[in-house]
């Protein structure tokens, strides 16, 4: 079965009555957890992005607090990858490169400040370097004024 294009779907959705549109949204939310989370963000959190970013940062803090007690670098790596997937998902929800850069910089700051010996594992070093590349890419696509602010933050975590 071939999926319709986005423009075809949009045209069809415009034609639907509001009640049927609500039913479709609820069906989508039931189908997959990501759809439900995105709908939750769009309905309840999209209007207050600073608060949403603060909540995401709290979640990052919680993950790093859980990692304090983990001595096995293999499990630390798996947990950090899971956390990066969560951060990437939230960045897609927000769809703002400046906020995405802020979240990735915050992740790197937390990793450096944590007592995790990430430099002992080449996989974790590679993960950290990939994050720095991602941050550089995000920053380079921002307005010049914002670029300087985020470059200062980036220099602080690289040192």
C-alpha atoms as a PDB file:
ATOM      1  CA  UNK A   1       0.000   0.000   0.000  1.00  0.00           C
ATOM      2  CA  UNK A   2       1.401   3.370  -1.012  1.00  0.00           C
ATOM      3  CA  UNK A   3       0.957   6.316   1.355  1.00  0.00           C
ATOM      4  CA  UNK A   4      -0.543   9.527   0.030  1.00  0.00           C
ATOM      5  CA  UNK A   5       1.624  12.625  -0.179  1.00  0.00           C
ATOM      6  CA  UNK A   6       1.529  15.233   2.551  1.00  0.00           C
ATOM      7  CA  UNK A   7      -0.274  17.739   0.336  1.00  0.00           C
ATOM      8  CA  UNK A   8      -2.962  15.162  -0.528  1.00  0.00           C
ATOM      9  CA  UNK A   9      -3.440  14.384   3.145  1.00  0.00           C
ATOM     10  CA  UNK A  10      -3.683  18.079   3.973  1.00  0.00           C
ATOM     11  CA  UNK A  11      -6.348  18.642   1.303  1.00  0.00           C
ATOM     12  CA  UNK A  12      -8.352  15.702   2.584  1.00  0.00           C
ATOM     13  CA  UNK A  13      -8.061  16.813   6.226  1.00  0.00           C
ATOM     14  CA  UNK A  14      -9.344  20.281   5.343  1.00  0.00           C
ATOM     15  CA  UNK A  15     -12.515  18.709   3.944  1.00  0.00           C
ATOM     16  CA  UNK A  16     -13.287  16.722   7.111  1.00  0.00           C
ATOM     17  CA  UNK A  17     -15.725  17.964   9.761  1.00  0.00           C
ATOM     18  CA  UNK A  18     -14.128  18.846  13.130  1.00  0.00           C
ATOM     19  CA  UNK A  19     -15.618  15.864  14.965  1.00  0.00           C
ATOM     20  CA  UNK A  20     -14.143  13.408  12.489  1.00  0.00           C
ATOM     21  CA  UNK A  21     -10.819  15.234  12.652  1.00  0.00           C
ATOM     22  CA  UNK A  22     -10.755  14.787  16.434  1.00  0.00           C
ATOM     23  CA  UNK A  23     -11.468  11.065  16.014  1.00  0.00           C
ATOM     24  CA  UNK A  24      -8.560  10.760  13.575  1.00  0.00           C
ATOM     25  CA  UNK A  25      -6.202  12.515  16.008  1.00  0.00           C
ATOM     26  CA  UNK A  26      -7.262  10.249  18.861  1.00  0.00           C
ATOM     27  CA  UNK A  27      -6.753   7.189  16.644  1.00  0.00           C
ATOM     28  CA  UNK A  28      -3.261   8.405  15.755  1.00  0.00           C
ATOM     29  CA  UNK A  29      -2.483   8.988  19.425  1.00  0.00           C
ATOM     30  CA  UNK A  30      -3.621   5.453  20.283  1.00  0.00           C
ATOM     31  CA  UNK A  31      -1.549   3.927  17.521  1.00  0.00           C
ATOM     32  CA  UNK A  32       1.912   4.975  18.653  1.00  0.00           C
ATOM     33  CA  UNK A  33       3.382   6.446  21.826  1.00  0.00           C
ATOM     34  CA  UNK A  34       5.436   9.011  19.857  1.00  0.00           C
ATOM     35  CA  UNK A  35       2.271  10.332  18.212  1.00  0.00           C
ATOM     36  CA  UNK A  36       0.658  10.696  21.624  1.00  0.00           C
ATOM     37  CA  UNK A  37       3.697  12.534  23.006  1.00  0.00           C
ATOM     38  CA  UNK A  38       3.825  14.863  20.002  1.00  0.00           C
ATOM     39  CA  UNK A  39       0.121  15.623  20.292  1.00  0.00           C
ATOM     40  CA  UNK A  40       0.591  16.271  24.018  1.00  0.00           C
ATOM     41  CA  UNK A  41       3.422  18.687  23.257  1.00  0.00           C
ATOM     42  CA  UNK A  42       1.475  20.495  20.530  1.00  0.00           C
ATOM     43  CA  UNK A  43      -1.647  20.874  22.660  1.00  0.00           C
ATOM     44  CA  UNK A  44      -0.224  21.629  26.098  1.00  0.00           C
ATOM     45  CA  UNK A  45       3.415  22.681  25.879  1.00  0.00           C
ATOM     46  CA  UNK A  46       4.113  24.337  22.504  1.00  0.00           C
ATOM     47  CA  UNK A  47       2.936  27.737  23.739  1.00  0.00           C
ATOM     48  CA  UNK A  48       5.492  27.725  26.605  1.00  0.00           C
ATOM     49  CA  UNK A  49       8.803  26.549  25.139  1.00  0.00           C
ATOM     50  CA  UNK A  50      11.026  27.830  27.994  1.00  0.00           C
ATOM     51  CA  UNK A  51       9.028  25.771  30.481  1.00  0.00           C
ATOM     52  CA  UNK A  52       9.215  22.732  28.202  1.00  0.00           C
ATOM     53  CA  UNK A  53      13.001  23.107  27.876  1.00  0.00           C
ATOM     54  CA  UNK A  54      13.264  23.381  31.668  1.00  0.00           C
ATOM     55  CA  UNK A  55      11.308  20.126  32.014  1.00  0.00           C
ATOM     56  CA  UNK A  56      13.580  18.404  29.495  1.00  0.00           C
ATOM     57  CA  UNK A  57      16.631  19.621  31.401  1.00  0.00           C
ATOM     58  CA  UNK A  58      15.148  18.193  34.609  1.00  0.00           C
ATOM     59  CA  UNK A  59      14.694  14.865  32.840  1.00  0.00           C
ATOM     60  CA  UNK A  60      18.337  14.989  31.698  1.00  0.00           C
ATOM     61  CA  UNK A  61      19.375  15.697  35.296  1.00  0.00           C
ATOM     62  CA  UNK A  62      17.386  12.693  36.503  1.00  0.00           C
ATOM     63  CA  UNK A  63      19.075  10.424  33.963  1.00  0.00           C
ATOM     64  CA  UNK A  64      22.510  11.628  35.024  1.00  0.00           C
ATOM     65  CA  UNK A  65      21.608  11.138  38.700  1.00  0.00           C
ATOM     66  CA  UNK A  66      20.714   7.529  37.895  1.00  0.00           C
ATOM     67  CA  UNK A  67      24.061   7.094  36.139  1.00  0.00           C
ATOM     68  CA  UNK A  68      26.021   8.204  39.225  1.00  0.00           C
ATOM     69  CA  UNK A  69      25.661   4.757  40.716  1.00  0.00           C
ATOM     70  CA  UNK A  70      26.543   2.853  37.547  1.00  0.00           C
ATOM     71  CA  UNK A  71      30.143   1.666  37.430  1.00  0.00           C
ATOM     72  CA  UNK A  72      29.982  -0.399  34.248  1.00  0.00           C
ATOM     73  CA  UNK A  73      30.817   1.774  31.228  1.00  0.00           C
ATOM     74  CA  UNK A  74      28.852  -0.534  28.926  1.00  0.00           C
ATOM     75  CA  UNK A  75      25.607   0.267  30.742  1.00  0.00           C
ATOM     76  CA  UNK A  76      26.546   3.935  30.990  1.00  0.00           C
ATOM     77  CA  UNK A  77      26.982   4.014  27.209  1.00  0.00           C
ATOM     78  CA  UNK A  78      23.590   2.386  26.656  1.00  0.00           C
ATOM     79  CA  UNK A  79      21.933   4.837  29.049  1.00  0.00           C
ATOM     80  CA  UNK A  80      23.580   7.833  27.412  1.00  0.00           C
ATOM     81  CA  UNK A  81      22.491   6.671  23.959  1.00  0.00           C
ATOM     82  CA  UNK A  82      18.937   6.302  25.265  1.00  0.00           C
ATOM     83  CA  UNK A  83      19.100   9.810  26.702  1.00  0.00           C
ATOM     84  CA  UNK A  84      20.374  11.184  23.385  1.00  0.00           C
ATOM     85  CA  UNK A  85      17.457   9.542  21.568  1.00  0.00           C
ATOM     86  CA  UNK A  86      15.070  11.239  24.001  1.00  0.00           C
ATOM     87  CA  UNK A  87      16.787  14.613  23.506  1.00  0.00           C
ATOM     88  CA  UNK A  88      16.653  14.213  19.723  1.00  0.00           C
ATOM     89  CA  UNK A  89      12.950  13.407  19.906  1.00  0.00           C
ATOM     90  CA  UNK A  90      12.260  16.530  21.973  1.00  0.00           C
ATOM     91  CA  UNK A  91      14.329  18.619  19.562  1.00  0.00           C
ATOM     92  CA  UNK A  92      12.111  17.408  16.723  1.00  0.00           C
ATOM     93  CA  UNK A  93       9.039  18.423  18.706  1.00  0.00           C
ATOM     94  CA  UNK A  94      10.348  21.922  19.366  1.00  0.00           C
ATOM     95  CA  UNK A  95      11.632  22.374  15.783  1.00  0.00           C
ATOM     96  CA  UNK A  96      13.862  25.253  16.863  1.00  0.00           C
ATOM     97  CA  UNK A  97      17.578  24.912  16.167  1.00  0.00           C
ATOM     98  CA  UNK A  98      18.561  27.321  18.943  1.00  0.00           C
ATOM     99  CA  UNK A  99      16.707  25.293  21.553  1.00  0.00           C
ATOM    100  CA  UNK A 100      18.084  22.071  20.098  1.00  0.00           C
ATOM    101  CA  UNK A 101      21.615  23.463  20.411  1.00  0.00           C
ATOM    102  CA  UNK A 102      20.839  24.483  23.991  1.00  0.00           C
ATOM    103  CA  UNK A 103      19.701  20.956  24.886  1.00  0.00           C
ATOM    104  CA  UNK A 104      22.709  19.288  23.271  1.00  0.00           C
ATOM    105  CA  UNK A 105      25.088  21.739  24.982  1.00  0.00           C
ATOM    106  CA  UNK A 106      23.363  20.998  28.279  1.00  0.00           C
ATOM    107  CA  UNK A 107      23.861  17.267  27.710  1.00  0.00           C
ATOM    108  CA  UNK A 108      27.583  17.776  27.057  1.00  0.00           C
ATOM    109  CA  UNK A 109      27.909  19.990  30.139  1.00  0.00           C
ATOM    110  CA  UNK A 110      26.259  17.356  32.296  1.00  0.00           C
ATOM    111  CA  UNK A 111      28.505  14.653  30.851  1.00  0.00           C
ATOM    112  CA  UNK A 112      31.647  16.666  31.588  1.00  0.00           C
ATOM    113  CA  UNK A 113      30.486  17.585  35.096  1.00  0.00           C
ATOM    114  CA  UNK A 114      29.444  14.040  35.938  1.00  0.00           C
ATOM    115  CA  UNK A 115      31.981  11.700  37.422  1.00  0.00           C
ATOM    116  CA  UNK A 116      31.596   9.358  34.437  1.00  0.00           C
ATOM    117  CA  UNK A 117      35.060   8.415  33.121  1.00  0.00           C
ATOM    118  CA  UNK A 118      33.928   8.740  29.528  1.00  0.00           C
ATOM    119  CA  UNK A 119      37.479   9.318  28.282  1.00  0.00           C
ATOM    120  CA  UNK A 120      38.331   5.704  29.165  1.00  0.00           C
ATOM    121  CA  UNK A 121      35.909   4.398  26.564  1.00  0.00           C
ATOM    122  CA  UNK A 122      36.504   5.177  22.903  1.00  0.00           C
ATOM    123  CA  UNK A 123      32.784   4.699  22.214  1.00  0.00           C
ATOM    124  CA  UNK A 124      31.868   7.370  24.749  1.00  0.00           C
ATOM    125  CA  UNK A 125      34.566   9.709  23.416  1.00  0.00           C
ATOM    126  CA  UNK A 126      33.143   9.219  19.912  1.00  0.00           C
ATOM    127  CA  UNK A 127      29.627   9.889  21.202  1.00  0.00           C
ATOM    128  CA  UNK A 128      30.806  13.111  22.841  1.00  0.00           C
ATOM    129  CA  UNK A 129      32.603  14.228  19.676  1.00  0.00           C
ATOM    130  CA  UNK A 130      29.502  13.491  17.583  1.00  0.00           C
ATOM    131  CA  UNK A 131      27.507  15.697  19.917  1.00  0.00           C
ATOM    132  CA  UNK A 132      30.036  18.491  19.479  1.00  0.00           C
ATOM    133  CA  UNK A 133      29.748  18.155  15.694  1.00  0.00           C
ATOM    134  CA  UNK A 134      25.965  18.244  15.939  1.00  0.00           C
ATOM    135  CA  UNK A 135      26.134  21.362  18.119  1.00  0.00           C
ATOM    136  CA  UNK A 136      28.472  23.060  15.630  1.00  0.00           C
ATOM    137  CA  UNK A 137      26.091  22.245  12.784  1.00  0.00           C
ATOM    138  CA  UNK A 138      23.120  23.624  14.706  1.00  0.00           C
ATOM    139  CA  UNK A 139      24.982  26.770  15.704  1.00  0.00           C
ATOM    140  CA  UNK A 140      26.182  27.459  12.162  1.00  0.00           C
ATOM    141  CA  UNK A 141      22.565  27.559  10.965  1.00  0.00           C
ATOM    142  CA  UNK A 142      21.528  30.208  13.516  1.00  0.00           C
ATOM    143  CA  UNK A 143      21.467  34.006  13.256  1.00  0.00           C
ATOM    144  CA  UNK A 144      24.846  35.661  13.896  1.00  0.00           C
ATOM    145  CA  UNK A 145      23.833  37.140  17.257  1.00  0.00           C
ATOM    146  CA  UNK A 146      22.644  33.797  18.564  1.00  0.00           C
ATOM    147  CA  UNK A 147      25.684  32.060  17.092  1.00  0.00           C
ATOM    148  CA  UNK A 148      28.041  34.027  19.310  1.00  0.00           C
ATOM    149  CA  UNK A 149      26.059  33.222  22.466  1.00  0.00           C
ATOM    150  CA  UNK A 150      26.024  29.513  21.731  1.00  0.00           C
ATOM    151  CA  UNK A 151      29.660  29.490  20.581  1.00  0.00           C
ATOM    152  CA  UNK A 152      30.620  30.912  23.985  1.00  0.00           C
ATOM    153  CA  UNK A 153      28.706  28.072  25.658  1.00  0.00           C
ATOM    154  CA  UNK A 154      30.356  25.553  23.351  1.00  0.00           C
ATOM    155  CA  UNK A 155      33.849  26.879  24.099  1.00  0.00           C
ATOM    156  CA  UNK A 156      33.107  26.572  27.804  1.00  0.00           C
ATOM    157  CA  UNK A 157      32.357  22.839  27.521  1.00  0.00           C
ATOM    158  CA  UNK A 158      35.227  22.085  25.154  1.00  0.00           C
ATOM    159  CA  UNK A 159      37.860  23.439  27.575  1.00  0.00           C
END
